[in-house]
Amino acid sequence: MTSQEIHEKAIGIADVAFIKKFNGFLDEAKQLFSQAYELEKQALEFAKSENLGEPTISVLIKSVGSFKLNCN
């Protein structure tokens, strides 16, 4: 998988997590945010190793932080 494919998978999981969160299913949302966080972290590592540069790296860093914050 490429960093883009991993990122897209993480975003898909995060989308579901946000829906769960807004509907009050906080435990499920946290689990999904945790999955998204791990995937996005992996995408970031791939992007660094593939020398994808900016703004890709910054976008991934922001996503990693956002998902981690939503995990509490």
C-alpha atoms as a PDB file:
ATOM      1  CA  MET A   1       0.000   0.000   0.000  1.00  0.00           C
ATOM      2  CA  THR A   2       1.086   3.556  -0.637  1.00  0.00           C
ATOM      3  CA  SER A   3       0.919   6.368   1.871  1.00  0.00           C
ATOM      4  CA  GLN A   4      -2.029   7.802  -0.096  1.00  0.00           C
ATOM      5  CA  GLU A   5      -3.980   4.538   0.139  1.00  0.00           C
ATOM      6  CA  ILE A   6      -3.302   4.233   3.861  1.00  0.00           C
ATOM      7  CA  HIS A   7      -4.298   7.881   4.359  1.00  0.00           C
ATOM      8  CA  GLU A   8      -7.572   7.347   2.487  1.00  0.00           C
ATOM      9  CA  LYS A   9      -8.363   4.317   4.649  1.00  0.00           C
ATOM     10  CA  ALA A  10      -7.618   6.324   7.812  1.00  0.00           C
ATOM     11  CA  ILE A  11      -9.853   9.178   6.649  1.00  0.00           C
ATOM     12  CA  GLY A  12     -12.689   6.729   5.937  1.00  0.00           C
ATOM     13  CA  ILE A  13     -12.435   5.298   9.444  1.00  0.00           C
ATOM     14  CA  ALA A  14     -12.255   8.789  10.940  1.00  0.00           C
ATOM     15  CA  ASP A  15     -15.406   9.809   9.053  1.00  0.00           C
ATOM     16  CA  VAL A  16     -17.285   6.924  10.680  1.00  0.00           C
ATOM     17  CA  ALA A  17     -15.743   7.848  14.045  1.00  0.00           C
ATOM     18  CA  PHE A  18     -17.004  11.429  13.776  1.00  0.00           C
ATOM     19  CA  ILE A  19     -20.504  10.175  13.002  1.00  0.00           C
ATOM     20  CA  LYS A  20     -20.367   7.840  16.018  1.00  0.00           C
ATOM     21  CA  LYS A  21     -19.092  10.670  18.211  1.00  0.00           C
ATOM     22  CA  PHE A  22     -21.832  13.083  17.155  1.00  0.00           C
ATOM     23  CA  ASN A  23     -24.461  10.395  17.760  1.00  0.00           C
ATOM     24  CA  GLY A  24     -23.220   9.744  21.283  1.00  0.00           C
ATOM     25  CA  PHE A  25     -21.393   6.461  20.744  1.00  0.00           C
ATOM     26  CA  LEU A  26     -18.219   7.729  22.379  1.00  0.00           C
ATOM     27  CA  ASP A  27     -16.535   4.403  23.154  1.00  0.00           C
ATOM     28  CA  GLU A  28     -16.958   3.210  19.567  1.00  0.00           C
ATOM     29  CA  ALA A  29     -15.766   6.567  18.285  1.00  0.00           C
ATOM     30  CA  LYS A  30     -12.614   6.422  20.422  1.00  0.00           C
ATOM     31  CA  GLN A  31     -11.798   2.951  19.116  1.00  0.00           C
ATOM     32  CA  LEU A  32     -12.239   4.097  15.542  1.00  0.00           C
ATOM     33  CA  PHE A  33     -10.156   7.242  16.110  1.00  0.00           C
ATOM     34  CA  SER A  34      -7.456   5.015  17.558  1.00  0.00           C
ATOM     35  CA  GLN A  35      -7.484   2.878  14.400  1.00  0.00           C
ATOM     36  CA  ALA A  36      -7.395   5.982  12.216  1.00  0.00           C
ATOM     37  CA  TYR A  37      -4.505   7.358  14.291  1.00  0.00           C
ATOM     38  CA  GLU A  38      -2.432   4.196  13.842  1.00  0.00           C
ATOM     39  CA  LEU A  39      -3.069   4.129  10.091  1.00  0.00           C
ATOM     40  CA  GLU A  40      -2.335   7.819   9.651  1.00  0.00           C
ATOM     41  CA  LYS A  41       0.882   7.440  11.634  1.00  0.00           C
ATOM     42  CA  GLN A  42       1.851   4.622   9.258  1.00  0.00           C
ATOM     43  CA  ALA A  43       0.993   6.799   6.244  1.00  0.00           C
ATOM     44  CA  LEU A  44       3.194   9.544   7.673  1.00  0.00           C
ATOM     45  CA  GLU A  45       6.138   7.175   8.059  1.00  0.00           C
ATOM     46  CA  PHE A  46       5.709   5.964   4.477  1.00  0.00           C
ATOM     47  CA  ALA A  47       5.459   9.548   3.210  1.00  0.00           C
ATOM     48  CA  LYS A  48       8.701  10.425   4.989  1.00  0.00           C
ATOM     49  CA  SER A  49      10.469   7.352   3.629  1.00  0.00           C
ATOM     50  CA  GLU A  50       9.146   8.103   0.124  1.00  0.00           C
ATOM     51  CA  ASN A  51      10.348  11.733   0.422  1.00  0.00           C
ATOM     52  CA  LEU A  52       6.936  13.085  -0.548  1.00  0.00           C
ATOM     53  CA  GLY A  53       7.733  16.488   0.934  1.00  0.00           C
ATOM     54  CA  GLU A  54       5.394  19.353   1.643  1.00  0.00           C
ATOM     55  CA  PRO A  55       2.514  19.915   2.003  1.00  0.00           C
ATOM     56  CA  THR A  56       1.902  16.147   2.242  1.00  0.00           C
ATOM     57  CA  ILE A  57       3.972  15.685   5.396  1.00  0.00           C
ATOM     58  CA  SER A  58       2.308  18.639   7.160  1.00  0.00           C
ATOM     59  CA  VAL A  59      -1.189  17.430   6.269  1.00  0.00           C
ATOM     60  CA  LEU A  60      -0.421  13.976   7.642  1.00  0.00           C
ATOM     61  CA  ILE A  61       1.100  15.410  10.835  1.00  0.00           C
ATOM     62  CA  LYS A  62      -2.033  17.485  11.368  1.00  0.00           C
ATOM     63  CA  SER A  63      -4.254  14.436  10.841  1.00  0.00           C
ATOM     64  CA  VAL A  64      -2.197  12.315  13.226  1.00  0.00           C
ATOM     65  CA  GLY A  65      -2.557  14.991  15.909  1.00  0.00           C
ATOM     66  CA  SER A  66      -6.269  15.420  15.300  1.00  0.00           C
ATOM     67  CA  PHE A  67      -6.981  11.701  15.520  1.00  0.00           C
ATOM     68  CA  LYS A  68      -4.875  11.383  18.676  1.00  0.00           C
ATOM     69  CA  LEU A  69      -6.772  14.249  20.319  1.00  0.00           C
ATOM     70  CA  ASN A  70     -10.069  12.565  19.499  1.00  0.00           C
ATOM     71  CA  CYS A  71      -8.856   9.344  21.119  1.00  0.00           C
ATOM     72  CA  ASN A  72      -8.528  11.287  24.411  1.00  0.00           C
END
